[in-house]
């Protein structure tokens, strides 16, 4: 079992920055990947970014590449999503999730095994 708890979501103005945190606890594995997804009502959950826990390699969705940065702090069991140049289109509930069984990269939310409860990010113009 893996537990994930997101925090840091709030209202922010367009063009601003925000950092989300994900606390990860429970079973760990060298094959771990932790990803961030986002979802707005009526739309499918969208892949944002992911990071390999052991080696720190990263993967980004096209819509956030160059604006968002994912990182992790192994000692504190945290994964961060640094977001800059925020746009209204970034408004969503942001979820972190853990993939404990896929050996390669995946952007498919169905391949992720554990999920947090989500944190709301609202970008105002």
Protein backbone atom coordinates (compact mmCIF):
# COMPACT_ATOMS: atom_id res chain seq x y z
CA UNK A 1 0.00 0.00 0.00
CA UNK A 2 1.08 3.52 -0.81
CA UNK A 3 -0.45 6.68 0.56
CA UNK A 4 -0.22 10.03 -1.19
CA UNK A 5 -1.34 13.39 0.12
CA UNK A 6 -1.26 16.52 -2.02
CA UNK A 7 -1.05 20.08 -0.75
CA UNK A 8 -0.35 23.56 -1.98
CA UNK A 9 -3.29 24.22 -4.25
CA UNK A 10 -4.87 27.68 -4.07
CA UNK A 11 -6.08 30.64 -6.08
CA UNK A 12 -3.32 32.35 -8.07
CA UNK A 13 -3.27 35.03 -10.75
CA UNK A 14 -2.40 34.27 -14.33
CA UNK A 15 1.32 34.56 -14.89
CA UNK A 16 2.06 33.59 -11.32
CA UNK A 17 3.79 30.58 -9.82
CA UNK A 18 2.78 27.85 -7.43
CA UNK A 19 4.39 24.76 -5.95
CA UNK A 20 2.42 21.64 -5.16
CA UNK A 21 3.67 18.97 -2.78
CA UNK A 22 2.89 15.29 -2.56
CA UNK A 23 3.74 13.37 0.60
CA UNK A 24 4.45 9.72 -0.20
CA UNK A 25 4.34 7.00 2.43
CA UNK A 26 4.00 3.25 2.65
CA UNK A 27 5.64 0.66 0.44
CA UNK A 28 8.48 1.92 -1.70
CA UNK A 29 10.24 0.33 -4.61
CA UNK A 30 13.08 1.15 -6.93
CA UNK A 31 10.57 0.88 -9.79
CA UNK A 32 8.45 3.60 -8.35
CA UNK A 33 7.22 6.42 -10.49
CA UNK A 34 5.20 9.27 -9.08
CA UNK A 35 3.13 11.33 -11.44
CA UNK A 36 1.00 14.42 -11.40
CA UNK A 37 -2.31 14.52 -13.22
CA UNK A 38 -5.00 17.13 -13.44
CA UNK A 39 -8.69 17.06 -14.14
CA UNK A 40 -11.46 19.55 -14.82
CA UNK A 41 -15.15 18.65 -14.65
CA UNK A 42 -16.36 16.88 -17.75
CA UNK A 43 -12.90 16.08 -19.06
CA UNK A 44 -10.58 13.13 -18.79
CA UNK A 45 -7.73 13.11 -16.34
CA UNK A 46 -4.68 14.64 -18.04
CA UNK A 47 -1.08 13.61 -17.53
CA UNK A 48 1.13 16.47 -16.33
CA UNK A 49 4.50 15.04 -15.29
CA UNK A 50 6.16 12.03 -13.70
CA UNK A 51 9.42 11.22 -11.99
CA UNK A 52 11.28 8.00 -11.27
CA UNK A 53 11.83 7.83 -7.54
CA UNK A 54 15.21 6.10 -7.62
CA UNK A 55 17.03 7.90 -10.44
CA UNK A 56 15.05 11.10 -10.79
CA UNK A 57 14.41 10.94 -14.51
CA UNK A 58 11.36 12.91 -15.61
CA UNK A 59 8.64 13.01 -18.21
CA UNK A 60 6.30 15.88 -19.06
CA UNK A 61 3.03 16.36 -20.86
CA UNK A 62 3.19 18.63 -23.90
CA UNK A 63 0.89 21.26 -22.45
CA UNK A 64 3.16 21.99 -19.48
CA UNK A 65 6.61 21.32 -20.87
CA UNK A 66 8.99 24.23 -20.11
CA UNK A 67 6.58 25.76 -17.58
CA UNK A 68 6.31 23.01 -14.95
CA UNK A 69 9.09 21.15 -13.16
CA UNK A 70 8.72 17.95 -11.20
CA UNK A 71 11.25 17.01 -8.53
CA UNK A 72 11.54 14.83 -5.48
CA UNK A 73 13.13 14.88 -2.06
CA UNK A 74 13.97 11.29 -1.21
CA UNK A 75 14.89 12.05 2.38
CA UNK A 76 11.50 13.62 3.09
CA UNK A 77 9.49 11.35 0.78
CA UNK A 78 8.05 14.27 -1.11
CA UNK A 79 7.40 15.00 -4.76
CA UNK A 80 6.99 18.57 -5.92
CA UNK A 81 5.41 20.20 -8.92
CA UNK A 82 6.75 23.69 -9.51
CA UNK A 83 4.43 25.59 -11.83
CA UNK A 84 5.24 28.94 -13.42
CA UNK A 85 3.66 31.20 -16.02
CA UNK A 86 0.31 29.82 -14.99
CA UNK A 87 -2.60 30.18 -17.38
CA UNK A 88 -6.34 29.99 -16.82
CA UNK A 89 -6.25 26.68 -18.67
CA UNK A 90 -4.14 25.26 -15.82
CA UNK A 91 -7.14 25.50 -13.50
CA UNK A 92 -7.94 21.98 -12.33
CA UNK A 93 -7.80 19.54 -9.47
CA UNK A 94 -4.25 18.21 -9.35
CA UNK A 95 -3.61 14.66 -8.24
CA UNK A 96 -0.42 12.80 -7.51
CA UNK A 97 -0.31 9.10 -8.18
CA UNK A 98 2.12 6.22 -7.85
CA UNK A 99 2.91 3.60 -10.46
CA UNK A 100 4.51 0.63 -8.74
CA UNK A 101 4.34 -1.98 -11.49
CA UNK A 102 5.24 -0.40 -14.86
CA UNK A 103 8.88 -0.71 -15.83
CA UNK A 104 8.69 1.95 -18.53
CA UNK A 105 7.07 5.36 -18.65
CA UNK A 106 3.34 5.70 -18.91
CA UNK A 107 1.02 8.69 -19.18
CA UNK A 108 -2.06 6.53 -18.84
CA UNK A 109 -3.81 7.21 -15.53
CA UNK A 110 -5.17 3.68 -15.54
CA UNK A 111 -1.62 2.38 -15.14
CA UNK A 112 -1.17 4.22 -11.87
CA UNK A 113 -1.97 2.17 -8.81
CA UNK A 114 -2.43 4.64 -5.97
CA UNK A 115 -3.89 8.14 -5.89
CA UNK A 116 -4.11 11.08 -3.56
CA UNK A 117 -7.29 13.00 -2.87
CA UNK A 118 -6.36 15.98 -5.06
CA UNK A 119 -5.72 19.68 -4.50
CA UNK A 120 -7.52 22.50 -6.29
CA UNK A 121 -5.55 24.99 -8.35
CA UNK A 122 -7.47 27.97 -9.65
CA UNK A 123 -5.83 30.50 -11.98
CA UNK A 124 -7.63 33.81 -12.35
CA UNK A 125 -7.15 36.32 -15.13
